[in-house]
PDB file of N, CA and C in Angstrom:
ATOM      1  N   UNK A   1      77.099  76.643 170.670  1.00  0.00           N
ATOM      2  CA  UNK A   1      77.913  76.298 171.771  1.00  0.00           C
ATOM      3  C   UNK A   1      77.656  75.258 172.592  1.00  0.00           C
ATOM      4  N   UNK A   2      78.870  75.084 173.556  1.00  0.00           N
ATOM      5  CA  UNK A   2      78.850  74.022 174.605  1.00  0.00           C
ATOM      6  C   UNK A   2      78.782  74.595 175.963  1.00  0.00           C
ATOM      7  N   UNK A   3      77.667  74.240 176.573  1.00  0.00           N
ATOM      8  CA  UNK A   3      77.246  74.403 177.967  1.00  0.00           C
ATOM      9  C   UNK A   3      77.582  73.417 179.043  1.00  0.00           C
ATOM     10  N   UNK A   4      78.497  73.293 179.722  1.00  0.00           N
ATOM     11  CA  UNK A   4      78.752  72.557 180.762  1.00  0.00           C
ATOM     12  C   UNK A   4      78.208  72.805 181.914  1.00  0.00           C
ATOM     13  N   UNK A   5      77.624  71.929 182.454  1.00  0.00           N
ATOM     14  CA  UNK A   5      76.583  71.923 183.720  1.00  0.00           C
ATOM     15  C   UNK A   5      77.354  70.893 184.758  1.00  0.00           C
ATOM     16  N   UNK A   6      76.960  71.250 186.124  1.00  0.00           N
ATOM     17  CA  UNK A   6      77.857  70.675 187.060  1.00  0.00           C
ATOM     18  C   UNK A   6      76.419  70.131 187.716  1.00  0.00           C
ATOM     19  N   UNK A   7      76.922  69.138 188.509  1.00  0.00           N
ATOM     20  CA  UNK A   7      75.685  68.347 189.488  1.00  0.00           C
ATOM     21  C   UNK A   7      74.484  67.835 188.875  1.00  0.00           C
ATOM     22  N   UNK A   8      74.255  67.000 188.245  1.00  0.00           N
ATOM     23  CA  UNK A   8      75.248  66.101 187.725  1.00  0.00           C
ATOM     24  C   UNK A   8      75.815  66.684 186.486  1.00  0.00           C
ATOM     25  N   UNK A   9      77.058  66.188 186.202  1.00  0.00           N
ATOM     26  CA  UNK A   9      77.781  66.897 185.436  1.00  0.00           C
ATOM     27  C   UNK A   9      77.284  66.265 183.795  1.00  0.00           C
ATOM     28  N   UNK A  10      77.027  67.314 182.984  1.00  0.00           N
ATOM     29  CA  UNK A  10      76.712  66.886 181.547  1.00  0.00           C
ATOM     30  C   UNK A  10      76.759  68.000 180.685  1.00  0.00           C
ATOM     31  N   UNK A  11      76.737  67.794 179.428  1.00  0.00           N
ATOM     32  CA  UNK A  11      76.708  69.130 178.398  1.00  0.00           C
ATOM     33  C   UNK A  11      75.876  68.983 177.299  1.00  0.00           C
ATOM     34  N   UNK A  12      75.418  70.186 177.146  1.00  0.00           N
ATOM     35  CA  UNK A  12      74.238  70.613 176.543  1.00  0.00           C
ATOM     36  C   UNK A  12      74.851  71.653 175.062  1.00  0.00           C
ATOM     37  N   UNK A  13      74.548  71.348 173.953  1.00  0.00           N
ATOM     38  CA  UNK A  13      74.543  72.406 172.866  1.00  0.00           C
ATOM     39  C   UNK A  13      73.598  73.051 172.437  1.00  0.00           C
ATOM     40  N   UNK A  14      73.697  74.445 172.639  1.00  0.00           N
ATOM     41  CA  UNK A  14      72.741  75.535 172.791  1.00  0.00           C
ATOM     42  C   UNK A  14      73.191  76.411 171.361  1.00  0.00           C
ATOM     43  N   UNK A  15      72.384  76.868 170.428  1.00  0.00           N
ATOM     44  CA  UNK A  15      72.884  77.247 169.411  1.00  0.00           C
ATOM     45  C   UNK A  15      73.225  78.995 169.979  1.00  0.00           C
ATOM     46  N   UNK A  16      73.812  79.923 169.036  1.00  0.00           N
ATOM     47  CA  UNK A  16      74.316  81.111 169.221  1.00  0.00           C
ATOM     48  C   UNK A  16      74.197  81.833 168.007  1.00  0.00           C
ATOM     49  N   UNK A  17      74.683  82.890 168.019  1.00  0.00           N
ATOM     50  CA  UNK A  17      74.854  83.701 169.254  1.00  0.00           C
ATOM     51  C   UNK A  17      73.742  84.170 170.064  1.00  0.00           C
ATOM     52  N   UNK A  18      73.711  84.348 171.232  1.00  0.00           N
ATOM     53  CA  UNK A  18      72.837  84.844 172.345  1.00  0.00           C
ATOM     54  C   UNK A  18      73.266  85.299 173.402  1.00  0.00           C
ATOM     55  N   UNK A  19      72.731  85.874 174.340  1.00  0.00           N
ATOM     56  CA  UNK A  19      73.462  86.748 175.392  1.00  0.00           C
ATOM     57  C   UNK A  19      73.268  85.327 176.970  1.00  0.00           C
ATOM     58  N   UNK A  20      73.964  85.126 177.666  1.00  0.00           N
ATOM     59  CA  UNK A  20      74.269  84.853 178.767  1.00  0.00           C
ATOM     60  C   UNK A  20      72.950  84.543 179.613  1.00  0.00           C
ATOM     61  N   UNK A  21      72.160  85.238 179.547  1.00  0.00           N
ATOM     62  CA  UNK A  21      70.947  85.291 180.378  1.00  0.00           C
ATOM     63  C   UNK A  21      69.690  84.573 179.420  1.00  0.00           C
ATOM     64  N   UNK A  22      69.739  84.612 178.268  1.00  0.00           N
ATOM     65  CA  UNK A  22      68.909  84.229 177.360  1.00  0.00           C
ATOM     66  C   UNK A  22      69.257  82.498 177.450  1.00  0.00           C
ATOM     67  N   UNK A  23      70.504  82.309 177.316  1.00  0.00           N
ATOM     68  CA  UNK A  23      70.930  80.809 177.481  1.00  0.00           C
ATOM     69  C   UNK A  23      70.292  80.032 178.699  1.00  0.00           C
ATOM     70  N   UNK A  24      70.542  80.659 179.995  1.00  0.00           N
ATOM     71  CA  UNK A  24      69.974  80.411 181.200  1.00  0.00           C
ATOM     72  C   UNK A  24      68.499  80.275 181.197  1.00  0.00           C
ATOM     73  N   UNK A  25      67.656  81.126 180.276  1.00  0.00           N
ATOM     74  CA  UNK A  25      66.397  81.255 180.238  1.00  0.00           C
ATOM     75  C   UNK A  25      66.041  79.934 179.506  1.00  0.00           C
ATOM     76  N   UNK A  26      66.820  79.659 178.384  1.00  0.00           N
ATOM     77  CA  UNK A  26      66.373  78.153 177.675  1.00  0.00           C
ATOM     78  C   UNK A  26      66.473  77.088 178.293  1.00  0.00           C
ATOM     79  N   UNK A  27      67.538  77.149 179.351  1.00  0.00           N
ATOM     80  CA  UNK A  27      67.718  75.842 179.990  1.00  0.00           C
ATOM     81  C   UNK A  27      67.023  75.762 181.462  1.00  0.00           C
ATOM     82  N   UNK A  28      66.283  77.020 181.437  1.00  0.00           N
ATOM     83  CA  UNK A  28      65.379  76.972 182.707  1.00  0.00           C
ATOM     84  C   UNK A  28      66.312  76.802 184.242  1.00  0.00           C
ATOM     85  N   UNK A  29      67.285  77.770 183.780  1.00  0.00           N
ATOM     86  CA  UNK A  29      68.267  77.821 185.371  1.00  0.00           C
ATOM     87  C   UNK A  29      68.119  79.344 185.912  1.00  0.00           C
ATOM     88  N   UNK A  30      67.966  79.303 187.153  1.00  0.00           N
ATOM     89  CA  UNK A  30      67.742  80.622 187.700  1.00  0.00           C
ATOM     90  C   UNK A  30      69.134  81.167 187.742  1.00  0.00           C
ATOM     91  N   UNK A  31      69.263  82.489 186.943  1.00  0.00           N
ATOM     92  CA  UNK A  31      70.776  83.074 186.986  1.00  0.00           C
ATOM     93  C   UNK A  31      71.507  83.328 188.452  1.00  0.00           C
ATOM     94  N   UNK A  32      70.499  83.564 189.737  1.00  0.00           N
ATOM     95  CA  UNK A  32      71.274  83.525 190.843  1.00  0.00           C
ATOM     96  C   UNK A  32      71.856  82.422 191.465  1.00  0.00           C
ATOM     97  N   UNK A  33      71.329  80.977 190.944  1.00  0.00           N
ATOM     98  CA  UNK A  33      71.963  79.906 191.291  1.00  0.00           C
ATOM     99  C   UNK A  33      73.178  79.283 190.623  1.00  0.00           C
ATOM    100  N   UNK A  34      73.767  80.412 189.850  1.00  0.00           N
ATOM    101  CA  UNK A  34      74.863  79.566 188.825  1.00  0.00           C
ATOM    102  C   UNK A  34      76.224  80.737 188.731  1.00  0.00           C
ATOM    103  N   UNK A  35      77.076  80.356 188.613  1.00  0.00           N
ATOM    104  CA  UNK A  35      78.228  81.000 188.167  1.00  0.00           C
ATOM    105  C   UNK A  35      78.437  80.661 186.714  1.00  0.00           C
ATOM    106  N   UNK A  36      78.558  81.740 185.926  1.00  0.00           N
ATOM    107  CA  UNK A  36      78.905  81.270 184.530  1.00  0.00           C
ATOM    108  C   UNK A  36      80.415  81.583 184.202  1.00  0.00           C
ATOM    109  N   UNK A  37      81.000  80.779 183.403  1.00  0.00           N
ATOM    110  CA  UNK A  37      82.675  80.885 183.260  1.00  0.00           C
ATOM    111  C   UNK A  37      82.933  80.517 182.152  1.00  0.00           C
ATOM    112  N   UNK A  38      83.482  81.367 181.265  1.00  0.00           N
ATOM    113  CA  UNK A  38      84.174  80.958 179.950  1.00  0.00           C
ATOM    114  C   UNK A  38      85.711  81.187 180.202  1.00  0.00           C
ATOM    115  N   UNK A  39      86.499  79.934 180.098  1.00  0.00           N
ATOM    116  CA  UNK A  39      87.893  79.985 180.183  1.00  0.00           C
ATOM    117  C   UNK A  39      88.288  80.142 181.685  1.00  0.00           C
ATOM    118  N   UNK A  40      88.795  81.266 181.870  1.00  0.00           N
ATOM    119  CA  UNK A  40      89.314  81.931 183.143  1.00  0.00           C
ATOM    120  C   UNK A  40      88.259  83.290 183.824  1.00  0.00           C
ATOM    121  N   UNK A  41      87.227  83.308 182.857  1.00  0.00           N
ATOM    122  CA  UNK A  41      86.682  84.826 182.897  1.00  0.00           C
ATOM    123  C   UNK A  41      85.191  84.356 183.533  1.00  0.00           C
ATOM    124  N   UNK A  42      84.734  85.183 184.581  1.00  0.00           N
ATOM    125  CA  UNK A  42      83.291  85.237 185.165  1.00  0.00           C
ATOM    126  C   UNK A  42      82.627  86.019 184.367  1.00  0.00           C
ATOM    127  N   UNK A  43      81.301  85.542 183.994  1.00  0.00           N
ATOM    128  CA  UNK A  43      80.690  86.195 182.967  1.00  0.00           C
ATOM    129  C   UNK A  43      79.080  86.809 183.620  1.00  0.00           C
ATOM    130  N   UNK A  44      78.578  87.896 183.127  1.00  0.00           N
ATOM    131  CA  UNK A  44      77.231  88.291 183.459  1.00  0.00           C
ATOM    132  C   UNK A  44      76.423  88.023 182.439  1.00  0.00           C
ATOM    133  N   UNK A  45      75.059  88.330 182.899  1.00  0.00           N
ATOM    134  CA  UNK A  45      74.167  88.261 181.789  1.00  0.00           C
ATOM    135  C   UNK A  45      73.984  88.652 180.814  1.00  0.00           C
ATOM    136  N   UNK A  46      74.674  89.825 180.435  1.00  0.00           N
ATOM    137  CA  UNK A  46      74.597  90.663 179.311  1.00  0.00           C
ATOM    138  C   UNK A  46      75.861  90.386 178.186  1.00  0.00           C
ATOM    139  N   UNK A  47      76.408  89.496 178.711  1.00  0.00           N
ATOM    140  CA  UNK A  47      77.564  89.081 177.732  1.00  0.00           C
ATOM    141  C   UNK A  47      77.075  88.098 176.476  1.00  0.00           C
ATOM    142  N   UNK A  48      77.692  88.644 175.319  1.00  0.00           N
ATOM    143  CA  UNK A  48      77.032  87.528 174.063  1.00  0.00           C
ATOM    144  C   UNK A  48      78.321  86.517 173.899  1.00  0.00           C
ATOM    145  N   UNK A  49      77.669  85.452 173.691  1.00  0.00           N
ATOM    146  CA  UNK A  49      78.044  84.142 173.379  1.00  0.00           C
ATOM    147  C   UNK A  49      78.011  83.846 171.668  1.00  0.00           C
ATOM    148  N   UNK A  50      79.008  83.143 171.374  1.00  0.00           N
ATOM    149  CA  UNK A  50      78.787  82.626 170.002  1.00  0.00           C
ATOM    150  C   UNK A  50      78.698  81.132 169.926  1.00  0.00           C
ATOM    151  N   UNK A  51      78.517  80.553 168.563  1.00  0.00           N
ATOM    152  CA  UNK A  51      78.607  79.306 168.527  1.00  0.00           C
ATOM    153  C   UNK A  51      79.811  78.289 169.002  1.00  0.00           C
ATOM    154  N   UNK A  52      80.958  79.229 168.847  1.00  0.00           N
ATOM    155  CA  UNK A  52      82.351  78.486 169.026  1.00  0.00           C
ATOM    156  C   UNK A  52      82.655  78.448 170.475  1.00  0.00           C
ATOM    157  N   UNK A  53      81.895  79.165 171.447  1.00  0.00           N
ATOM    158  CA  UNK A  53      81.996  79.380 172.659  1.00  0.00           C
ATOM    159  C   UNK A  53      82.001  77.937 173.851  1.00  0.00           C
ATOM    160  N   UNK A  54      82.587  77.850 174.830  1.00  0.00           N
ATOM    161  CA  UNK A  54      82.474  76.647 175.703  1.00  0.00           C
ATOM    162  C   UNK A  54      82.094  77.451 177.122  1.00  0.00           C
ATOM    163  N   UNK A  55      81.264  77.346 177.722  1.00  0.00           N
ATOM    164  CA  UNK A  55      80.904  77.997 179.061  1.00  0.00           C
ATOM    165  C   UNK A  55      80.404  76.878 180.194  1.00  0.00           C
ATOM    166  N   UNK A  56      80.511  77.211 181.077  1.00  0.00           N
ATOM    167  CA  UNK A  56      80.437  76.199 182.388  1.00  0.00           C
ATOM    168  C   UNK A  56      79.745  76.754 183.437  1.00  0.00           C
ATOM    169  N   UNK A  57      78.792  76.384 183.797  1.00  0.00           N
ATOM    170  CA  UNK A  57      77.779  76.600 184.748  1.00  0.00           C
ATOM    171  C   UNK A  57      77.953  75.898 186.114  1.00  0.00           C
ATOM    172  N   UNK A  58      78.543  76.560 186.973  1.00  0.00           N
ATOM    173  CA  UNK A  58      78.623  75.911 188.484  1.00  0.00           C
ATOM    174  C   UNK A  58      77.625  76.720 189.499  1.00  0.00           C
ATOM    175  N   UNK A  59      77.110  75.791 189.989  1.00  0.00           N
ATOM    176  CA  UNK A  59      76.166  76.100 191.215  1.00  0.00           C
ATOM    177  C   UNK A  59      76.952  76.868 192.079  1.00  0.00           C
ATOM    178  N   UNK A  60      75.910  77.986 192.592  1.00  0.00           N
ATOM    179  CA  UNK A  60      76.654  78.835 193.813  1.00  0.00           C
ATOM    180  C   UNK A  60      76.313  78.023 195.042  1.00  0.00           C
ATOM    181  N   UNK A  61      77.510  77.960 195.676  1.00  0.00           N
ATOM    182  CA  UNK A  61      77.502  77.574 197.201  1.00  0.00           C
ATOM    183  C   UNK A  61      77.578  78.496 198.107  1.00  0.00           C
ATOM    184  N   UNK A  62      77.003  78.155 199.067  1.00  0.00           N
ATOM    185  CA  UNK A  62      77.291  79.138 200.753  1.00  0.00           C
ATOM    186  C   UNK A  62      77.536  78.082 201.790  1.00  0.00           C
ATOM    187  N   UNK A  63      78.465  78.947 202.515  1.00  0.00           N
ATOM    188  CA  UNK A  63      78.428  77.912 204.107  1.00  0.00           C
ATOM    189  C   UNK A  63      78.396  78.850 205.149  1.00  0.00           C
ATOM    190  N   UNK A  64      78.360  78.216 206.256  1.00  0.00           N
ATOM    191  CA  UNK A  64      78.504  78.973 207.465  1.00  0.00           C
ATOM    192  C   UNK A  64      79.740  79.518 207.754  1.00  0.00           C
ATOM    193  N   UNK A  65      79.722  80.585 208.057  1.00  0.00           N
ATOM    194  CA  UNK A  65      81.015  81.025 208.334  1.00  0.00           C
ATOM    195  C   UNK A  65      81.392  81.401 209.937  1.00  0.00           C
ATOM    196  N   UNK A  66      82.615  81.669 210.295  1.00  0.00           N
ATOM    197  CA  UNK A  66      82.660  81.756 211.598  1.00  0.00           C
ATOM    198  C   UNK A  66      82.359  83.389 212.195  1.00  0.00           C
ATOM    199  N   UNK A  67      81.547  83.552 212.821  1.00  0.00           N
ATOM    200  CA  UNK A  67      81.142  85.181 213.358  1.00  0.00           C
ATOM    201  C   UNK A  67      81.223  85.320 214.855  1.00  0.00           C
ATOM    202  N   UNK A  68      80.878  86.360 215.143  1.00  0.00           N
ATOM    203  CA  UNK A  68      81.169  86.581 216.593  1.00  0.00           C
ATOM    204  C   UNK A  68      80.710  85.842 217.399  1.00  0.00           C
ATOM    205  N   UNK A  69      80.945  85.424 218.715  1.00  0.00           N
ATOM    206  CA  UNK A  69      80.720  84.655 219.482  1.00  0.00           C
ATOM    207  C   UNK A  69      80.628  83.015 218.889  1.00  0.00           C
ATOM    208  N   UNK A  70      81.330  82.872 217.948  1.00  0.00           N
ATOM    209  CA  UNK A  70      81.785  81.512 217.553  1.00  0.00           C
ATOM    210  C   UNK A  70      83.140  80.959 217.167  1.00  0.00           C
ATOM    211  N   UNK A  71      84.046  82.023 217.564  1.00  0.00           N
ATOM    212  CA  UNK A  71      85.386  82.145 217.681  1.00  0.00           C
ATOM    213  C   UNK A  71      85.907  80.739 218.358  1.00  0.00           C
ATOM    214  N   UNK A  72      86.933  80.319 217.957  1.00  0.00           N
ATOM    215  CA  UNK A  72      87.717  79.169 218.899  1.00  0.00           C
ATOM    216  C   UNK A  72      88.029  79.632 220.103  1.00  0.00           C
TER     217      UNK A  72
END
């Protein structure tokens, strides 16, 4: 399967079939730090992938929000 990584953008080939969580483990990526996307579907760690799949790993980003006392 093809795994597309961001920051920096690169592609890695990984043999399948295997579960998402096993792919992340092989690539030494902490599961909570990425979103795993196949097409327009967000995947969980237990989803099985095969050799024909292409998945994208996007870093999880969080930012400051507007909370009480911070309204304009």
